[in-house]
C-alpha cells in the first residue's frame, strides 16, 4: 500500500503532511508538522519485523516565543 496527504491552511497557519509506503516486508514514510513555536518538525522512518521502528527527526526554522504577558491581577477580599 501507499498513501499521502497534506494540509496547508493559510488562515490558521496549520501545515502538516504524511506519506507512507509498505511493500509487505518494510514500511517507510515521513511526516512533517508545523509546531506552535514556528519551527517545522520533519520525521522520516523505516519499520520492519527485524529491526523495529527507526526514526530520524529534524527541525527547520527558528523557535519564536512571544514575551510573557504582564500579570496585573488585583484581588479584592470582602
PDB file of N, CA and C in Angstrom:
ATOM      1  N   UNK A   1       0.833  -1.181   0.000  1.00  0.00           N
ATOM      2  CA  UNK A   1       0.000   0.000   0.000  1.00  0.00           C
ATOM      3  C   UNK A   1       0.875   1.241   0.000  1.00  0.00           C
ATOM      4  N   UNK A   2       0.276   2.338  -0.311  1.00  0.00           N
ATOM      5  CA  UNK A   2       0.927   3.641  -0.175  1.00  0.00           C
ATOM      6  C   UNK A   2      -0.158   4.696  -0.016  1.00  0.00           C
ATOM      7  N   UNK A   3       0.174   5.748   0.723  1.00  0.00           N
ATOM      8  CA  UNK A   3      -0.758   6.864   0.877  1.00  0.00           C
ATOM      9  C   UNK A   3       0.022   8.135   1.153  1.00  0.00           C
ATOM     10  N   UNK A   4      -0.632   9.242   0.945  1.00  0.00           N
ATOM     11  CA  UNK A   4      -0.048  10.535   1.302  1.00  0.00           C
ATOM     12  C   UNK A   4      -1.149  11.568   1.431  1.00  0.00           C
ATOM     13  N   UNK A   5      -0.900  12.564   2.260  1.00  0.00           N
ATOM     14  CA  UNK A   5      -1.812  13.702   2.369  1.00  0.00           C
ATOM     15  C   UNK A   5      -1.042  14.913   2.864  1.00  0.00           C
ATOM     16  N   UNK A   6      -1.567  16.070   2.569  1.00  0.00           N
ATOM     17  CA  UNK A   6      -1.000  17.336   3.019  1.00  0.00           C
ATOM     18  C   UNK A   6      -2.140  18.277   3.368  1.00  0.00           C
ATOM     19  N   UNK A   7      -1.972  19.001   4.454  1.00  0.00           N
ATOM     20  CA  UNK A   7      -2.930  20.026   4.862  1.00  0.00           C
ATOM     21  C   UNK A   7      -2.157  21.330   5.016  1.00  0.00           C
ATOM     22  N   UNK A   8      -2.608  22.362   4.343  1.00  0.00           N
ATOM     23  CA  UNK A   8      -1.982  23.674   4.472  1.00  0.00           C
ATOM     24  C   UNK A   8      -3.094  24.714   4.491  1.00  0.00           C
ATOM     25  N   UNK A   9      -3.346  25.255   5.668  1.00  0.00           N
ATOM     26  CA  UNK A   9      -4.422  26.208   5.855  1.00  0.00           C
ATOM     27  C   UNK A   9      -3.825  27.586   6.120  1.00  0.00           C
ATOM     28  N   UNK A  10      -3.930  28.471   5.154  1.00  0.00           N
ATOM     29  CA  UNK A  10      -3.341  29.810   5.275  1.00  0.00           C
ATOM     30  C   UNK A  10      -3.972  30.615   6.406  1.00  0.00           C
ATOM     31  N   UNK A  11      -5.266  30.417   6.658  1.00  0.00           N
ATOM     32  CA  UNK A  11      -5.944  31.195   7.694  1.00  0.00           C
ATOM     33  C   UNK A  11      -5.379  30.886   9.078  1.00  0.00           C
ATOM     34  N   UNK A  12      -5.258  29.601   9.416  1.00  0.00           N
ATOM     35  CA  UNK A  12      -4.789  29.225  10.751  1.00  0.00           C
ATOM     36  C   UNK A  12      -3.273  29.069  10.818  1.00  0.00           C
ATOM     37  N   UNK A  13      -2.615  28.943   9.664  1.00  0.00           N
ATOM     38  CA  UNK A  13      -1.180  28.699   9.648  1.00  0.00           C
ATOM     39  C   UNK A  13      -0.839  27.232   9.844  1.00  0.00           C
ATOM     40  N   UNK A  14      -1.846  26.380   9.921  1.00  0.00           N
ATOM     41  CA  UNK A  14      -1.632  24.957  10.120  1.00  0.00           C
ATOM     42  C   UNK A  14      -1.039  24.335   8.856  1.00  0.00           C
ATOM     43  N   UNK A  15       0.019  23.542   9.026  1.00  0.00           N
ATOM     44  CA  UNK A  15       0.654  22.903   7.871  1.00  0.00           C
ATOM     45  C   UNK A  15       1.249  21.575   8.333  1.00  0.00           C
ATOM     46  N   UNK A  16       0.750  20.474   7.769  1.00  0.00           N
ATOM     47  CA  UNK A  16       1.283  19.164   8.099  1.00  0.00           C
ATOM     48  C   UNK A  16       0.997  18.194   6.957  1.00  0.00           C
ATOM     49  N   UNK A  17       1.706  17.086   6.958  1.00  0.00           N
ATOM     50  CA  UNK A  17       1.506  16.090   5.924  1.00  0.00           C
ATOM     51  C   UNK A  17       2.166  14.778   6.303  1.00  0.00           C
ATOM     52  N   UNK A  18       1.803  13.723   5.592  1.00  0.00           N
ATOM     53  CA  UNK A  18       2.309  12.390   5.889  1.00  0.00           C
ATOM     54  C   UNK A  18       2.298  11.566   4.611  1.00  0.00           C
ATOM     55  N   UNK A  19       3.322  10.764   4.429  1.00  0.00           N
ATOM     56  CA  UNK A  19       3.334   9.807   3.323  1.00  0.00           C
ATOM     57  C   UNK A  19       3.945   8.512   3.834  1.00  0.00           C
ATOM     58  N   UNK A  20       3.437   7.388   3.326  1.00  0.00           N
ATOM     59  CA  UNK A  20       3.913   6.094   3.787  1.00  0.00           C
ATOM     60  C   UNK A  20       3.747   5.062   2.685  1.00  0.00           C
ATOM     61  N   UNK A  21       4.694   4.111   2.648  1.00  0.00           N
ATOM     62  CA  UNK A  21       4.647   3.006   1.687  1.00  0.00           C
ATOM     63  C   UNK A  21       5.001   1.716   2.413  1.00  0.00           C
ATOM     64  N   UNK A  22       4.396   0.618   1.981  1.00  0.00           N
ATOM     65  CA  UNK A  22       4.707  -0.690   2.531  1.00  0.00           C
ATOM     66  C   UNK A  22       4.742  -1.689   1.394  1.00  0.00           C
ATOM     67  N   UNK A  23       5.824  -2.488   1.342  1.00  0.00           N
ATOM     68  CA  UNK A  23       5.957  -3.493   0.284  1.00  0.00           C
ATOM     69  C   UNK A  23       5.638  -4.901   0.782  1.00  0.00           C
ATOM     70  N   UNK A  24       5.057  -5.024   1.955  1.00  0.00           N
ATOM     71  CA  UNK A  24       4.761  -6.324   2.534  1.00  0.00           C
ATOM     72  C   UNK A  24       5.823  -6.785   3.509  1.00  0.00           C
ATOM     73  N   UNK A  25       7.005  -6.161   3.468  1.00  0.00           N
ATOM     74  CA  UNK A  25       8.102  -6.525   4.370  1.00  0.00           C
ATOM     75  C   UNK A  25       8.593  -5.338   5.194  1.00  0.00           C
ATOM     76  N   UNK A  26       8.549  -4.174   4.585  1.00  0.00           N
ATOM     77  CA  UNK A  26       9.094  -2.983   5.234  1.00  0.00           C
ATOM     78  C   UNK A  26       8.180  -1.788   4.977  1.00  0.00           C
ATOM     79  N   UNK A  27       8.042  -0.954   6.003  1.00  0.00           N
ATOM     80  CA  UNK A  27       7.269   0.282   5.888  1.00  0.00           C
ATOM     81  C   UNK A  27       8.230   1.457   5.944  1.00  0.00           C
ATOM     82  N   UNK A  28       8.105   2.367   5.003  1.00  0.00           N
ATOM     83  CA  UNK A  28       8.908   3.590   5.008  1.00  0.00           C
ATOM     84  C   UNK A  28       7.954   4.777   4.918  1.00  0.00           C
ATOM     85  N   UNK A  29       8.353   5.865   5.524  1.00  0.00           N
ATOM     86  CA  UNK A  29       7.495   7.031   5.444  1.00  0.00           C
ATOM     87  C   UNK A  29       8.130   8.270   6.024  1.00  0.00           C
ATOM     88  N   UNK A  30       7.370   9.334   5.960  1.00  0.00           N
ATOM     89  CA  UNK A  30       7.806  10.602   6.534  1.00  0.00           C
ATOM     90  C   UNK A  30       6.579  11.441   6.835  1.00  0.00           C
ATOM     91  N   UNK A  31       6.742  12.333   7.794  1.00  0.00           N
ATOM     92  CA  UNK A  31       5.689  13.304   8.065  1.00  0.00           C
ATOM     93  C   UNK A  31       6.318  14.593   8.546  1.00  0.00           C
ATOM     94  N   UNK A  32       5.576  15.662   8.408  1.00  0.00           N
ATOM     95  CA  UNK A  32       6.029  16.963   8.880  1.00  0.00           C
ATOM     96  C   UNK A  32       4.852  17.682   9.522  1.00  0.00           C
ATOM     97  N   UNK A  33       5.177  18.508  10.499  1.00  0.00           N
ATOM     98  CA  UNK A  33       4.144  19.273  11.202  1.00  0.00           C
ATOM     99  C   UNK A  33       4.741  20.605  11.651  1.00  0.00           C
ATOM    100  N   UNK A  34       3.955  21.652  11.483  1.00  0.00           N
ATOM    101  CA  UNK A  34       4.376  22.974  11.952  1.00  0.00           C
ATOM    102  C   UNK A  34       4.087  23.044  13.449  1.00  0.00           C
ATOM    103  N   UNK A  35       5.104  23.370  14.223  1.00  0.00           N
ATOM    104  CA  UNK A  35       4.978  23.434  15.679  1.00  0.00           C
ATOM    105  C   UNK A  35       4.503  24.814  16.131  1.00  0.00           C
ATOM    106  N   UNK A  36       3.932  24.903  17.324  1.00  0.00           N
ATOM    107  CA  UNK A  36       3.449  26.204  17.818  1.00  0.00           C
ATOM    108  C   UNK A  36       4.535  27.277  17.930  1.00  0.00           C
ATOM    109  N   UNK A  37       5.798  26.857  18.071  1.00  0.00           N
ATOM    110  CA  UNK A  37       6.871  27.847  18.196  1.00  0.00           C
ATOM    111  C   UNK A  37       7.393  28.335  16.840  1.00  0.00           C
ATOM    112  N   UNK A  38       6.766  27.886  15.740  1.00  0.00           N
ATOM    113  CA  UNK A  38       7.131  28.359  14.415  1.00  0.00           C
ATOM    114  C   UNK A  38       8.052  27.433  13.637  1.00  0.00           C
ATOM    115  N   UNK A  39       8.695  26.475  14.320  1.00  0.00           N
ATOM    116  CA  UNK A  39       9.556  25.531  13.612  1.00  0.00           C
ATOM    117  C   UNK A  39       8.702  24.467  12.923  1.00  0.00           C
ATOM    118  N   UNK A  40       9.320  23.734  12.010  1.00  0.00           N
ATOM    119  CA  UNK A  40       8.678  22.579  11.395  1.00  0.00           C
ATOM    120  C   UNK A  40       9.476  21.344  11.777  1.00  0.00           C
ATOM    121  N   UNK A  41       8.786  20.319  12.244  1.00  0.00           N
ATOM    122  CA  UNK A  41       9.420  19.052  12.588  1.00  0.00           C
ATOM    123  C   UNK A  41       9.226  18.090  11.424  1.00  0.00           C
ATOM    124  N   UNK A  42      10.335  17.501  10.957  1.00  0.00           N
ATOM    125  CA  UNK A  42      10.323  16.537   9.869  1.00  0.00           C
ATOM    126  C   UNK A  42      10.773  15.190  10.426  1.00  0.00           C
ATOM    127  N   UNK A  43       9.995  14.155  10.213  1.00  0.00           N
ATOM    128  CA  UNK A  43      10.333  12.817  10.689  1.00  0.00           C
ATOM    129  C   UNK A  43      10.337  11.876   9.496  1.00  0.00           C
ATOM    130  N   UNK A  44      11.418  11.114   9.334  1.00  0.00           N
ATOM    131  CA  UNK A  44      11.468  10.037   8.341  1.00  0.00           C
ATOM    132  C   UNK A  44      11.656   8.742   9.124  1.00  0.00           C
ATOM    133  N   UNK A  45      11.048   7.667   8.666  1.00  0.00           N
ATOM    134  CA  UNK A  45      11.120   6.426   9.427  1.00  0.00           C
ATOM    135  C   UNK A  45      11.104   5.203   8.523  1.00  0.00           C
ATOM    136  N   UNK A  46      11.632   4.114   9.090  1.00  0.00           N
ATOM    137  CA  UNK A  46      11.629   2.791   8.473  1.00  0.00           C
ATOM    138  C   UNK A  46      11.219   1.825   9.572  1.00  0.00           C
ATOM    139  N   UNK A  47      10.339   0.899   9.240  1.00  0.00           N
ATOM    140  CA  UNK A  47       9.899  -0.099  10.220  1.00  0.00           C
ATOM    141  C   UNK A  47       9.793  -1.457   9.548  1.00  0.00           C
ATOM    142  N   UNK A  48      10.291  -2.475  10.259  1.00  0.00           N
ATOM    143  CA  UNK A  48      10.120  -3.851   9.797  1.00  0.00           C
ATOM    144  C   UNK A  48      10.162  -4.777  11.011  1.00  0.00           C
ATOM    145  N   UNK A  49       9.916  -6.070  10.777  1.00  0.00           N
ATOM    146  CA  UNK A  49       9.854  -7.029  11.880  1.00  0.00           C
ATOM    147  C   UNK A  49      11.225  -7.348  12.466  1.00  0.00           C
ATOM    148  N   UNK A  50      12.273  -7.099  11.709  1.00  0.00           N
ATOM    149  CA  UNK A  50      13.616  -7.426  12.180  1.00  0.00           C
ATOM    150  C   UNK A  50      14.206  -6.330  13.078  1.00  0.00           C
ATOM    151  N   UNK A  51      14.133  -5.078  12.614  1.00  0.00           N
ATOM    152  CA  UNK A  51      14.794  -4.005  13.366  1.00  0.00           C
ATOM    153  C   UNK A  51      13.830  -3.041  14.042  1.00  0.00           C
ATOM    154  N   UNK A  52      12.530  -3.270  13.921  1.00  0.00           N
ATOM    155  CA  UNK A  52      11.556  -2.421  14.598  1.00  0.00           C
ATOM    156  C   UNK A  52      11.353  -1.087  13.902  1.00  0.00           C
ATOM    157  N   UNK A  53      11.001  -0.090  14.696  1.00  0.00           N
ATOM    158  CA  UNK A  53      10.715   1.255  14.191  1.00  0.00           C
ATOM    159  C   UNK A  53      11.939   2.131  14.418  1.00  0.00           C
ATOM    160  N   UNK A  54      12.443   2.739  13.368  1.00  0.00           N
ATOM    161  CA  UNK A  54      13.606   3.621  13.455  1.00  0.00           C
ATOM    162  C   UNK A  54      13.266   4.940  12.786  1.00  0.00           C
ATOM    163  N   UNK A  55      13.400   6.013  13.546  1.00  0.00           N
ATOM    164  CA  UNK A  55      13.022   7.334  13.031  1.00  0.00           C
ATOM    165  C   UNK A  55      14.180   8.315  13.148  1.00  0.00           C
ATOM    166  N   UNK A  56      14.215   9.245  12.217  1.00  0.00           N
ATOM    167  CA  UNK A  56      15.140  10.376  12.269  1.00  0.00           C
ATOM    168  C   UNK A  56      14.295  11.636  12.315  1.00  0.00           C
ATOM    169  N   UNK A  57      14.619  12.518  13.252  1.00  0.00           N
ATOM    170  CA  UNK A  57      13.846  13.741  13.459  1.00  0.00           C
ATOM    171  C   UNK A  57      14.734  14.942  13.169  1.00  0.00           C
ATOM    172  N   UNK A  58      14.195  15.894  12.421  1.00  0.00           N
ATOM    173  CA  UNK A  58      14.926  17.118  12.079  1.00  0.00           C
ATOM    174  C   UNK A  58      13.978  18.299  12.259  1.00  0.00           C
ATOM    175  N   UNK A  59      14.511  19.408  12.718  1.00  0.00           N
ATOM    176  CA  UNK A  59      13.720  20.627  12.875  1.00  0.00           C
ATOM    177  C   UNK A  59      14.274  21.695  11.939  1.00  0.00           C
ATOM    178  N   UNK A  60      13.368  22.424  11.297  1.00  0.00           N
ATOM    179  CA  UNK A  60      13.789  23.554  10.472  1.00  0.00           C
ATOM    180  C   UNK A  60      13.109  24.807  10.995  1.00  0.00           C
ATOM    181  N   UNK A  61      13.716  25.937  10.724  1.00  0.00           N
ATOM    182  CA  UNK A  61      13.184  27.206  11.211  1.00  0.00           C
ATOM    183  C   UNK A  61      13.756  27.532  12.578  1.00  0.00           C
ATOM    184  N   UNK A  62      13.393  28.672  13.061  1.00  0.00           N
ATOM    185  CA  UNK A  62      13.878  29.134  14.361  1.00  0.00           C
ATOM    186  C   UNK A  62      12.695  29.288  15.308  1.00  0.00           C
ATOM    187  N   UNK A  63      12.847  28.768  16.507  1.00  0.00           N
ATOM    188  CA  UNK A  63      11.774  28.869  17.501  1.00  0.00           C
ATOM    189  C   UNK A  63      11.577  30.322  17.903  1.00  0.00           C
ATOM    190  N   UNK A  64      10.325  30.726  17.946  1.00  0.00           N
ATOM    191  CA  UNK A  64       9.974  32.080  18.364  1.00  0.00           C
ATOM    192  C   UNK A  64       9.001  31.979  19.520  1.00  0.00           C
ATOM    193  N   UNK A  65       9.339  32.645  20.596  1.00  0.00           N
ATOM    194  CA  UNK A  65       8.482  32.647  21.767  1.00  0.00           C
ATOM    195  C   UNK A  65       8.089  34.089  22.076  1.00  0.00           C
ATOM    196  N   UNK A  66       6.804  34.391  22.103  1.00  0.00           N
ATOM    197  CA  UNK A  66       6.397  35.753  22.420  1.00  0.00           C
ATOM    198  C   UNK A  66       6.753  36.082  23.863  1.00  0.00           C
ATOM    199  N   UNK A  67       6.978  37.356  24.139  1.00  0.00           N
ATOM    200  CA  UNK A  67       7.286  37.722  25.527  1.00  0.00           C
ATOM    201  C   UNK A  67       6.090  37.415  26.413  1.00  0.00           C
ATOM    202  N   UNK A  68       6.345  37.068  27.667  1.00  0.00           N
ATOM    203  CA  UNK A  68       5.229  36.761  28.565  1.00  0.00           C
ATOM    204  C   UNK A  68       4.341  37.980  28.788  1.00  0.00           C
ATOM    205  N   UNK A  69       3.075  37.729  28.953  1.00  0.00           N
ATOM    206  CA  UNK A  69       2.147  38.828  29.228  1.00  0.00           C
ATOM    207  C   UNK A  69       2.277  39.235  30.682  1.00  0.00           C
ATOM    208  N   UNK A  70       2.156  40.529  30.921  1.00  0.00           N
ATOM    209  CA  UNK A  70       2.233  41.025  32.293  1.00  0.00           C
ATOM    210  C   UNK A  70       0.976  40.608  33.043  1.00  0.00           C
ATOM    211  N   UNK A  71       1.186  40.168  34.242  1.00  0.00           N
ATOM    212  CA  UNK A  71       0.082  39.732  35.085  1.00  0.00           C
ATOM    213  C   UNK A  71      -0.280  40.888  35.996  1.00  0.00           C
ATOM    214  N   UNK A  72      -1.483  41.402  35.842  1.00  0.00           N
ATOM    215  CA  UNK A  72      -1.909  42.552  36.628  1.00  0.00           C
ATOM    216  C   UNK A  72      -3.261  42.241  37.257  1.00  0.00           C
ATOM    217  N   UNK A  73      -3.239  41.332  38.168  1.00  0.00           N
ATOM    218  CA  UNK A  73      -4.476  40.905  38.821  1.00  0.00           C
ATOM    219  C   UNK A  73      -4.577  41.595  40.178  1.00  0.00           C
ATOM    220  N   UNK A  74      -5.702  42.237  40.433  1.00  0.00           N
ATOM    221  CA  UNK A  74      -5.937  42.859  41.725  1.00  0.00           C
ATOM    222  C   UNK A  74      -6.976  42.034  42.462  1.00  0.00           C
ATOM    223  N   UNK A  75      -6.650  41.688  43.684  1.00  0.00           N
ATOM    224  CA  UNK A  75      -7.565  40.906  44.491  1.00  0.00           C
ATOM    225  C   UNK A  75      -8.343  41.804  45.429  1.00  0.00           C
ATOM    226  N   UNK A  76      -9.613  41.513  45.519  1.00  0.00           N
ATOM    227  CA  UNK A  76     -10.469  42.236  46.469  1.00  0.00           C
ATOM    228  C   UNK A  76     -11.049  41.210  47.426  1.00  0.00           C
ATOM    229  N   UNK A  77     -10.700  41.339  48.661  1.00  0.00           N
ATOM    230  CA  UNK A  77     -11.207  40.424  49.674  1.00  0.00           C
ATOM    231  C   UNK A  77     -12.341  41.106  50.413  1.00  0.00           C
ATOM    232  N   UNK A  78     -13.449  40.461  50.414  1.00  0.00           N
ATOM    233  CA  UNK A  78     -14.606  41.052  51.121  1.00  0.00           C
ATOM    234  C   UNK A  78     -14.828  40.365  52.440  1.00  0.00           C
TER     235      UNK A  78
END
